[in-house]
Amino acid sequence: FFTEGNEDIARIEDYHSHNTARLDVEGMKKLLLKLRFIREDLGMEEKAKSAEIKSE
């Protein structure tokens, strides 16, 4: 039992699989296609040139 703290934060429900949106296969595809590297790997978008990494 606590007598100090922020009551609003204490009322916020934890994030878990029962209180979030669950995606079906089509929903997951749509979500993944928002990522550039996925679109690049699928040939839907030209691959971005990566910067050369130089070590000292």
Protein backbone atom coordinates (compact mmCIF):
# COMPACT_ATOMS: atom_id res chain seq x y z
CA PHE A 1 0.00 0.00 0.00
CA PHE A 2 1.40 3.39 -1.03
CA THR A 3 0.38 6.80 0.23
CA GLU A 4 2.50 8.80 -2.25
CA GLY A 5 2.69 8.81 -6.02
CA ASN A 6 0.70 9.72 -9.08
CA GLU A 7 -2.77 8.18 -8.97
CA ASP A 8 -3.29 8.65 -12.73
CA ILE A 9 -0.25 6.50 -13.52
CA ALA A 10 -1.38 3.88 -11.04
CA ARG A 11 -4.70 3.57 -12.93
CA ILE A 12 -3.09 2.98 -16.33
CA GLU A 13 -3.50 -0.64 -17.39
CA ASP A 14 -0.38 -2.60 -18.35
CA TYR A 15 0.16 -3.41 -22.02
CA HIS A 16 -0.38 -7.07 -22.90
CA SER A 17 -1.95 -9.23 -25.60
CA HIS A 18 -5.44 -8.92 -24.15
CA ASN A 19 -5.68 -5.13 -24.46
CA THR A 20 -4.09 -4.48 -27.85
CA ALA A 21 -5.27 -4.85 -31.42
CA ARG A 22 -4.68 -8.35 -32.76
CA LEU A 23 -3.81 -8.62 -36.43
CA ASP A 24 -4.85 -11.28 -38.87
CA VAL A 25 -2.53 -12.30 -41.73
CA GLU A 26 -3.70 -9.47 -44.00
CA GLY A 27 -3.35 -6.93 -41.20
CA MET A 28 0.20 -8.12 -40.50
CA LYS A 29 1.09 -7.87 -44.21
CA LYS A 30 -0.25 -4.32 -44.34
CA LEU A 31 1.72 -3.37 -41.24
CA LEU A 32 4.97 -4.93 -42.49
CA LEU A 33 4.66 -3.21 -45.86
CA LYS A 34 5.00 0.13 -44.05
CA LEU A 35 8.66 -0.74 -43.47
CA ARG A 36 11.00 0.37 -46.26
CA PHE A 37 13.42 -2.54 -45.88
CA ILE A 38 10.56 -5.02 -46.28
CA ARG A 39 9.41 -3.29 -49.48
CA GLU A 40 13.03 -3.28 -50.70
CA ASP A 41 13.47 -7.00 -50.01
CA LEU A 42 10.24 -7.75 -51.86
CA GLY A 43 11.40 -5.71 -54.86
CA MET A 44 8.61 -3.19 -54.44
CA GLU A 45 11.02 -0.31 -53.88
CA GLU A 46 14.56 0.40 -55.03
CA LYS A 47 17.13 -0.32 -52.35
CA ALA A 48 18.50 2.77 -50.70
CA LYS A 49 22.25 3.19 -50.93
CA SER A 50 23.77 2.73 -47.52
CA ALA A 51 26.48 5.05 -46.30
CA GLU A 52 29.94 3.55 -46.16
CA ILE A 53 31.12 2.94 -42.63
CA LYS A 54 34.74 3.97 -42.10
CA SER A 55 36.76 2.83 -39.13
CA GLU A 56 39.47 5.03 -37.69
